[in-house]
C-alpha atoms as a PDB file:
ATOM      1  CA  MET A   1      12.987  -2.653 -20.585  1.00  0.00           C
ATOM      2  CA  THR A   2      16.157  -2.569 -18.491  1.00  0.00           C
ATOM      3  CA  SER A   3      18.017  -5.691 -17.364  1.00  0.00           C
ATOM      4  CA  TYR A   4      16.826  -4.985 -13.824  1.00  0.00           C
ATOM      5  CA  GLN A   5      13.187  -4.861 -14.959  1.00  0.00           C
ATOM      6  CA  ARG A   6      13.611  -8.086 -16.928  1.00  0.00           C
ATOM      7  CA  ALA A   7      15.015  -9.798 -13.834  1.00  0.00           C
ATOM      8  CA  LEU A   8      12.134  -8.506 -11.741  1.00  0.00           C
ATOM      9  CA  LYS A   9       9.607  -9.778 -14.297  1.00  0.00           C
ATOM     10  CA  GLN A  10      11.257 -13.200 -14.306  1.00  0.00           C
ATOM     11  CA  ARG A  11      11.147 -13.351 -10.509  1.00  0.00           C
ATOM     12  CA  ALA A  12       7.467 -12.368 -10.521  1.00  0.00           C
ATOM     13  CA  LEU A  13       6.650 -15.182 -12.944  1.00  0.00           C
ATOM     14  CA  THR A  14       8.565 -17.687 -10.825  1.00  0.00           C
ATOM     15  CA  THR A  15       6.813 -16.547  -7.659  1.00  0.00           C
ATOM     16  CA  ALA A  16       3.401 -16.706  -9.322  1.00  0.00           C
ATOM     17  CA  ALA A  17       4.083 -20.249 -10.509  1.00  0.00           C
ATOM     18  CA  ALA A  18       5.132 -21.301  -7.013  1.00  0.00           C
ATOM     19  CA  ALA A  19       2.039 -19.717  -5.487  1.00  0.00           C
ATOM     20  CA  LEU A  20      -0.220 -21.503  -7.974  1.00  0.00           C
ATOM     21  CA  ALA A  21       1.418 -24.840  -7.206  1.00  0.00           C
ATOM     22  CA  THR A  22       0.912 -24.284  -3.469  1.00  0.00           C
ATOM     23  CA  ALA A  23      -2.730 -23.365  -3.963  1.00  0.00           C
ATOM     24  CA  LEU A  24      -3.392 -26.432  -6.097  1.00  0.00           C
ATOM     25  CA  PHE A  25      -1.707 -28.671  -3.526  1.00  0.00           C
ATOM     26  CA  ALA A  26      -3.780 -27.197  -0.707  1.00  0.00           C
ATOM     27  CA  THR A  27      -6.973 -27.695  -2.711  1.00  0.00           C
ATOM     28  CA  ALA A  28      -6.084 -31.304  -3.481  1.00  0.00           C
ATOM     29  CA  CYS A  29      -5.465 -32.009   0.182  1.00  0.00           C
ATOM     30  CA  GLY A  30      -8.829 -30.496   1.111  1.00  0.00           C
ATOM     31  CA  ASP A  31      -7.260 -28.394   3.863  1.00  0.00           C
ATOM     32  CA  THR A  32     -10.074 -26.001   4.789  1.00  0.00           C
ATOM     33  CA  GLY A  33      -9.676 -25.861   8.563  1.00  0.00           C
ATOM     34  CA  GLY A  34      -9.460 -22.793  10.781  1.00  0.00           C
ATOM     35  CA  ASP A  35      -5.684 -22.889  10.834  1.00  0.00           C
ATOM     36  CA  THR A  36      -5.658 -22.252   7.103  1.00  0.00           C
ATOM     37  CA  ALA A  37      -7.677 -19.068   7.512  1.00  0.00           C
ATOM     38  CA  ASP A  38      -5.267 -17.819  10.155  1.00  0.00           C
ATOM     39  CA  THR A  39      -2.269 -18.662   7.986  1.00  0.00           C
ATOM     40  CA  THR A  40      -3.817 -16.918   4.997  1.00  0.00           C
ATOM     41  CA  SER A  41      -4.426 -13.793   7.052  1.00  0.00           C
ATOM     42  CA  GLU A  42      -0.830 -13.766   8.258  1.00  0.00           C
ATOM     43  CA  SER A  43       0.421 -14.324   4.720  1.00  0.00           C
ATOM     44  CA  GLU A  44      -1.625 -11.438   3.366  1.00  0.00           C
ATOM     45  CA  GLU A  45      -0.235  -9.190   6.091  1.00  0.00           C
ATOM     46  CA  GLN A  46       3.333 -10.135   5.148  1.00  0.00           C
ATOM     47  CA  VAL A  47       2.631  -9.466   1.467  1.00  0.00           C
ATOM     48  CA  ALA A  48       1.318  -6.022   2.386  1.00  0.00           C
ATOM     49  CA  GLU A  49       4.616  -5.273   4.162  1.00  0.00           C
ATOM     50  CA  HIS A  50       6.836  -6.112   1.191  1.00  0.00           C
ATOM     51  CA  ASN A  51       6.806  -7.836  -2.177  1.00  0.00           C
ATOM     52  CA  ASP A  52       9.269  -9.270  -4.699  1.00  0.00           C
ATOM     53  CA  ALA A  53      10.024  -5.819  -6.093  1.00  0.00           C
ATOM     54  CA  ASP A  54      11.082  -4.618  -2.644  1.00  0.00           C
ATOM     55  CA  VAL A  55      13.315  -7.640  -2.113  1.00  0.00           C
ATOM     56  CA  MET A  56      14.972  -7.383  -5.508  1.00  0.00           C
ATOM     57  CA  PHE A  57      15.472  -3.638  -5.101  1.00  0.00           C
ATOM     58  CA  ALA A  58      17.459  -4.196  -1.903  1.00  0.00           C
ATOM     59  CA  GLN A  59      19.320  -7.284  -3.128  1.00  0.00           C
ATOM     60  CA  MET A  60      20.425  -5.646  -6.364  1.00  0.00           C
ATOM     61  CA  MET A  61      21.072  -2.147  -5.022  1.00  0.00           C
ATOM     62  CA  ILE A  62      23.467  -3.445  -2.350  1.00  0.00           C
ATOM     63  CA  PRO A  63      26.164  -4.661  -4.795  1.00  0.00           C
ATOM     64  CA  HIS A  64      25.468  -1.624  -6.965  1.00  0.00           C
ATOM     65  CA  HIS A  65      26.188   0.670  -4.007  1.00  0.00           C
ATOM     66  CA  GLU A  66      29.181  -1.446  -2.982  1.00  0.00           C
ATOM     67  CA  GLN A  67      30.816  -0.850  -6.351  1.00  0.00           C
ATOM     68  CA  ALA A  68      30.231   2.897  -6.009  1.00  0.00           C
ATOM     69  CA  VAL A  69      31.905   2.801  -2.587  1.00  0.00           C
ATOM     70  CA  THR A  70      34.859   0.918  -4.094  1.00  0.00           C
ATOM     71  CA  MET A  71      35.137   3.575  -6.793  1.00  0.00           C
ATOM     72  CA  ALA A  72      34.998   6.297  -4.149  1.00  0.00           C
ATOM     73  CA  ASP A  73      37.767   4.581  -2.153  1.00  0.00           C
ATOM     74  CA  LEU A  74      40.036   4.759  -5.203  1.00  0.00           C
ATOM     75  CA  ALA A  75      39.643   8.535  -5.246  1.00  0.00           C
ATOM     76  CA  ASP A  76      41.374   8.883  -1.871  1.00  0.00           C
ATOM     77  CA  THR A  77      44.830   8.582  -3.431  1.00  0.00           C
ATOM     78  CA  ARG A  78      44.191   9.348  -7.095  1.00  0.00           C
ATOM     79  CA  ALA A  79      41.722  12.217  -7.473  1.00  0.00           C
ATOM     80  CA  GLY A  80      41.948  15.982  -7.476  1.00  0.00           C
ATOM     81  CA  ASN A  81      40.323  17.962  -4.676  1.00  0.00           C
ATOM     82  CA  GLU A  82      36.865  18.430  -6.226  1.00  0.00           C
ATOM     83  CA  VAL A  83      36.464  14.812  -7.268  1.00  0.00           C
ATOM     84  CA  GLU A  84      37.853  13.581  -3.958  1.00  0.00           C
ATOM     85  CA  GLU A  85      35.298  15.672  -2.034  1.00  0.00           C
ATOM     86  CA  LEU A  86      32.487  14.310  -4.216  1.00  0.00           C
ATOM     87  CA  ALA A  87      33.729  10.752  -3.711  1.00  0.00           C
ATOM     88  CA  VAL A  88      33.643  11.223   0.065  1.00  0.00           C
ATOM     89  CA  GLU A  89      30.035  12.437  -0.157  1.00  0.00           C
ATOM     90  CA  ILE A  90      29.073   9.423  -2.258  1.00  0.00           C
ATOM     91  CA  ARG A  91      30.733   6.988   0.144  1.00  0.00           C
ATOM     92  CA  ASP A  92      29.242   8.655   3.237  1.00  0.00           C
ATOM     93  CA  ALA A  93      25.743   8.457   1.719  1.00  0.00           C
ATOM     94  CA  GLN A  94      25.825   4.986   0.212  1.00  0.00           C
ATOM     95  CA  GLY A  95      27.565   3.163   3.065  1.00  0.00           C
ATOM     96  CA  PRO A  96      24.659   3.691   5.501  1.00  0.00           C
ATOM     97  CA  GLU A  97      22.154   2.923   2.733  1.00  0.00           C
ATOM     98  CA  ILE A  98      23.794  -0.481   2.249  1.00  0.00           C
ATOM     99  CA  GLU A  99      23.348  -1.186   5.959  1.00  0.00           C
ATOM    100  CA  GLN A 100      19.714  -0.041   5.797  1.00  0.00           C
ATOM    101  CA  MET A 101      18.940  -2.377   2.902  1.00  0.00           C
ATOM    102  CA  GLU A 102      20.662  -5.288   4.642  1.00  0.00           C
ATOM    103  CA  THR A 103      18.501  -4.638   7.718  1.00  0.00           C
ATOM    104  CA  LEU A 104      15.360  -4.577   5.569  1.00  0.00           C
ATOM    105  CA  LEU A 105      16.234  -7.904   3.949  1.00  0.00           C
ATOM    106  CA  ASP A 106      16.905  -9.441   7.356  1.00  0.00           C
ATOM    107  CA  SER A 107      13.542  -8.220   8.645  1.00  0.00           C
ATOM    108  CA  TRP A 108      11.808  -9.780   5.630  1.00  0.00           C
ATOM    109  CA  GLY A 109      13.600 -13.091   6.106  1.00  0.00           C
ATOM    110  CA  ALA A 110      15.165 -12.683   2.659  1.00  0.00           C
ATOM    111  CA  ASP A 111      18.719 -13.476   1.592  1.00  0.00           C
ATOM    112  CA  ARG A 112      21.056 -10.519   1.398  1.00  0.00           C
ATOM    113  CA  GLU A 113      22.460 -11.770  -1.892  1.00  0.00           C
ATOM    114  CA  SER A 114      20.459 -12.386  -5.030  1.00  0.00           C
ATOM    115  CA  GLU A 115      21.037 -15.318  -7.361  1.00  0.00           C
ATOM    116  CA  MET A 116      20.791 -12.882 -10.260  1.00  0.00           C
ATOM    117  CA  ASP A 117      23.945 -11.933 -12.177  1.00  0.00           C
ATOM    118  CA  HIS A 118      25.039  -8.520 -10.949  1.00  0.00           C
ATOM    119  CA  SER A 119      27.421  -7.855 -13.810  1.00  0.00           C
ATOM    120  CA  ASP A 120      24.687  -6.901 -16.269  1.00  0.00           C
ATOM    121  CA  MET A 121      22.882  -4.496 -13.950  1.00  0.00           C
ATOM    122  CA  ASP A 122      22.361  -1.046 -15.411  1.00  0.00           C
ATOM    123  CA  GLY A 123      25.320   1.208 -14.686  1.00  0.00           C
ATOM    124  CA  MET A 124      27.592  -1.490 -13.239  1.00  0.00           C
ATOM    125  CA  LEU A 125      31.182  -1.157 -14.386  1.00  0.00           C
ATOM    126  CA  THR A 126      32.807  -4.100 -16.110  1.00  0.00           C
ATOM    127  CA  GLU A 127      36.038  -5.624 -14.824  1.00  0.00           C
ATOM    128  CA  GLU A 128      37.856  -3.897 -17.656  1.00  0.00           C
ATOM    129  CA  GLN A 129      36.443  -0.502 -16.693  1.00  0.00           C
ATOM    130  CA  MET A 130      37.342  -0.999 -13.030  1.00  0.00           C
ATOM    131  CA  THR A 131      40.884  -1.986 -14.046  1.00  0.00           C
ATOM    132  CA  GLU A 132      41.113   1.127 -16.199  1.00  0.00           C
ATOM    133  CA  LEU A 133      39.980   3.295 -13.297  1.00  0.00           C
ATOM    134  CA  GLU A 134      42.391   1.626 -10.882  1.00  0.00           C
ATOM    135  CA  GLY A 135      45.290   2.323 -13.226  1.00  0.00           C
ATOM    136  CA  ALA A 136      44.543   6.022 -13.693  1.00  0.00           C
ATOM    137  CA  GLU A 137      45.733   9.004 -11.671  1.00  0.00           C
ATOM    138  CA  GLY A 138      45.309  12.764 -11.610  1.00  0.00           C
ATOM    139  CA  GLU A 139      43.216  14.388 -14.329  1.00  0.00           C
ATOM    140  CA  ARG A 140      42.724  11.132 -16.200  1.00  0.00           C
ATOM    141  CA  PHE A 141      41.365   9.477 -13.058  1.00  0.00           C
ATOM    142  CA  ASP A 142      39.054  12.428 -12.416  1.00  0.00           C
ATOM    143  CA  THR A 143      37.600  12.234 -15.911  1.00  0.00           C
ATOM    144  CA  LEU A 144      37.134   8.471 -15.849  1.00  0.00           C
ATOM    145  CA  PHE A 145      35.648   8.576 -12.356  1.00  0.00           C
ATOM    146  CA  LEU A 146      33.119  11.237 -13.311  1.00  0.00           C
ATOM    147  CA  GLU A 147      32.148   9.570 -16.589  1.00  0.00           C
ATOM    148  CA  PHE A 148      31.781   6.151 -15.025  1.00  0.00           C
ATOM    149  CA  MET A 149      29.964   7.426 -11.936  1.00  0.00           C
ATOM    150  CA  VAL A 150      27.433   9.360 -14.040  1.00  0.00           C
ATOM    151  CA  LEU A 151      26.520   6.129 -15.815  1.00  0.00           C
ATOM    152  CA  HIS A 152      26.564   4.226 -12.509  1.00  0.00           C
ATOM    153  CA  HIS A 153      24.220   6.761 -10.899  1.00  0.00           C
ATOM    154  CA  LYS A 154      21.837   6.650 -13.867  1.00  0.00           C
ATOM    155  CA  GLY A 155      21.555   2.891 -13.421  1.00  0.00           C
ATOM    156  CA  ALA A 156      20.760   3.320  -9.735  1.00  0.00           C
ATOM    157  CA  VAL A 157      18.125   5.952 -10.507  1.00  0.00           C
ATOM    158  CA  ASP A 158      16.433   3.599 -12.979  1.00  0.00           C
ATOM    159  CA  MET A 159      16.383   0.831 -10.364  1.00  0.00           C
ATOM    160  CA  ALA A 160      14.955   3.207  -7.765  1.00  0.00           C
ATOM    161  CA  ARG A 161      12.219   4.332 -10.152  1.00  0.00           C
ATOM    162  CA  THR A 162      11.262   0.700 -10.718  1.00  0.00           C
ATOM    163  CA  GLU A 163      10.953   0.297  -6.948  1.00  0.00           C
ATOM    164  CA  LEU A 164       8.619   3.294  -6.798  1.00  0.00           C
ATOM    165  CA  ASP A 165       6.536   1.778  -9.606  1.00  0.00           C
ATOM    166  CA  ASP A 166       6.344  -1.779  -8.275  1.00  0.00           C
ATOM    167  CA  GLY A 167       7.390  -1.856  -4.595  1.00  0.00           C
ATOM    168  CA  VAL A 168       5.015  -1.617  -1.628  1.00  0.00           C
ATOM    169  CA  ASN A 169       7.234  -1.351   1.443  1.00  0.00           C
ATOM    170  CA  PRO A 170       7.121   2.237   2.772  1.00  0.00           C
ATOM    171  CA  GLU A 171      10.731   2.294   3.977  1.00  0.00           C
ATOM    172  CA  ALA A 172      12.090   0.823   0.751  1.00  0.00           C
ATOM    173  CA  ARG A 173      10.066   3.262  -1.324  1.00  0.00           C
ATOM    174  CA  GLU A 174      11.238   6.193   0.798  1.00  0.00           C
ATOM    175  CA  LEU A 175      14.842   5.065   0.342  1.00  0.00           C
ATOM    176  CA  ALA A 176      14.317   4.764  -3.415  1.00  0.00           C
ATOM    177  CA  GLN A 177      13.106   8.357  -3.564  1.00  0.00           C
ATOM    178  CA  GLU A 178      16.100   9.517  -1.511  1.00  0.00           C
ATOM    179  CA  ILE A 179      18.427   7.729  -3.928  1.00  0.00           C
ATOM    180  CA  ILE A 180      16.764   9.407  -6.899  1.00  0.00           C
ATOM    181  CA  ASP A 181      16.968  12.868  -5.349  1.00  0.00           C
ATOM    182  CA  ALA A 182      20.589  12.543  -4.204  1.00  0.00           C
ATOM    183  CA  GLN A 183      21.994  10.855  -7.275  1.00  0.00           C
ATOM    184  CA  GLU A 184      20.237  13.060  -9.822  1.00  0.00           C
ATOM    185  CA  SER A 185      21.750  16.044  -8.014  1.00  0.00           C
ATOM    186  CA  GLU A 186      25.179  14.397  -8.101  1.00  0.00           C
ATOM    187  CA  ILE A 187      24.776  13.574 -11.803  1.00  0.00           C
ATOM    188  CA  GLN A 188      24.216  17.260 -12.493  1.00  0.00           C
ATOM    189  CA  GLN A 189      27.250  18.183 -10.388  1.00  0.00           C
ATOM    190  CA  MET A 190      29.463  15.619 -12.163  1.00  0.00           C
ATOM    191  CA  ASN A 191      28.339  16.717 -15.608  1.00  0.00           C
ATOM    192  CA  GLU A 192      29.215  20.297 -14.680  1.00  0.00           C
ATOM    193  CA  LEU A 193      32.703  19.169 -13.655  1.00  0.00           C
ATOM    194  CA  LEU A 194      32.993  17.340 -16.972  1.00  0.00           C
ATOM    195  CA  GLY A 195      31.821  20.400 -18.849  1.00  0.00           C
ATOM    196  CA  VAL A 196      28.738  18.611 -20.154  1.00  0.00           C
ATOM    197  CA  GLU A 197      25.975  21.177 -20.496  1.00  0.00           C
ATOM    198  CA  ASP A 198      23.200  18.638 -21.112  1.00  0.00           C
ATOM    199  CA  SER A 199      22.832  16.573 -17.921  1.00  0.00           C
ATOM    200  CA  GLY A 200      20.238  14.297 -19.512  1.00  0.00           C
ATOM    201  CA  GLU A 201      20.548  11.049 -21.421  1.00  0.00           C
ATOM    202  CA  ASP A 202      22.493  12.591 -24.293  1.00  0.00           C
ATOM    203  CA  GLY A 203      25.200  13.793 -21.943  1.00  0.00           C
ATOM    204  CA  ALA A 204      25.629  10.354 -20.421  1.00  0.00           C
ATOM    205  CA  GLU A 205      25.857   8.728 -23.818  1.00  0.00           C
ATOM    206  CA  ALA A 206      28.493  11.227 -24.852  1.00  0.00           C
ATOM    207  CA  THR A 207      30.696  10.336 -21.913  1.00  0.00           C
ATOM    208  CA  GLU A 208      30.168   6.622 -22.442  1.00  0.00           C
ATOM    209  CA  GLU A 209      31.146   6.791 -26.090  1.00  0.00           C
ATOM    210  CA  GLY A 210      34.045   9.209 -25.640  1.00  0.00           C
ATOM    211  CA  ASP A 211      37.632   8.136 -26.287  1.00  0.00           C
ATOM    212  CA  HIS A 212      39.220   7.934 -22.862  1.00  0.00           C
ATOM    213  CA  SER A 213      42.670   7.815 -24.367  1.00  0.00           C
ATOM    214  CA  GLU A 214      42.429  11.490 -25.207  1.00  0.00           C
ATOM    215  CA  HIS A 215      42.212  12.516 -21.527  1.00  0.00           C
END
């Protein structure tokens, strides 16, 4: 189970506990009037539009995308032509997706920021890794960027797959599928630039465990 899935499970348990407490309170108060039926109907309609998985997907994917955009910005002055072109594509795709997810959260009446710790999300770079990337130039930057972005993309794909498994909002699910399609294609492209023949899990692990000092 990924850290994202564990966070989603914890949120589901918290929400279920809150719902149970509300139901018990309503029963104790004996509130069985017509207004309650109307409220219940409206509540069910809202649940059908989105659920906790949808909200967490948007809240967690926003900072995940923001870090990818920051990484892409670094490529403007540090990367070779091929990596710079790829970075532009990543930034142009993920910038609008951030805005789309913010709009979704606003429409659901949900906070744009989650209380969850973003640092342990799958694929998120640590402060040390970001510092390493910021200090690199030329071929070394290209290699670090590609290695780190492959891992970053794999984390985003895992999060998007969880949304497809657990989410209910059509727009959020459609976005999740778009993220999977685009980022899996980019993972393959980046592995080719790295000279990694296997674009699957083994290839990602190889780049993660490699000695960057040799580049």
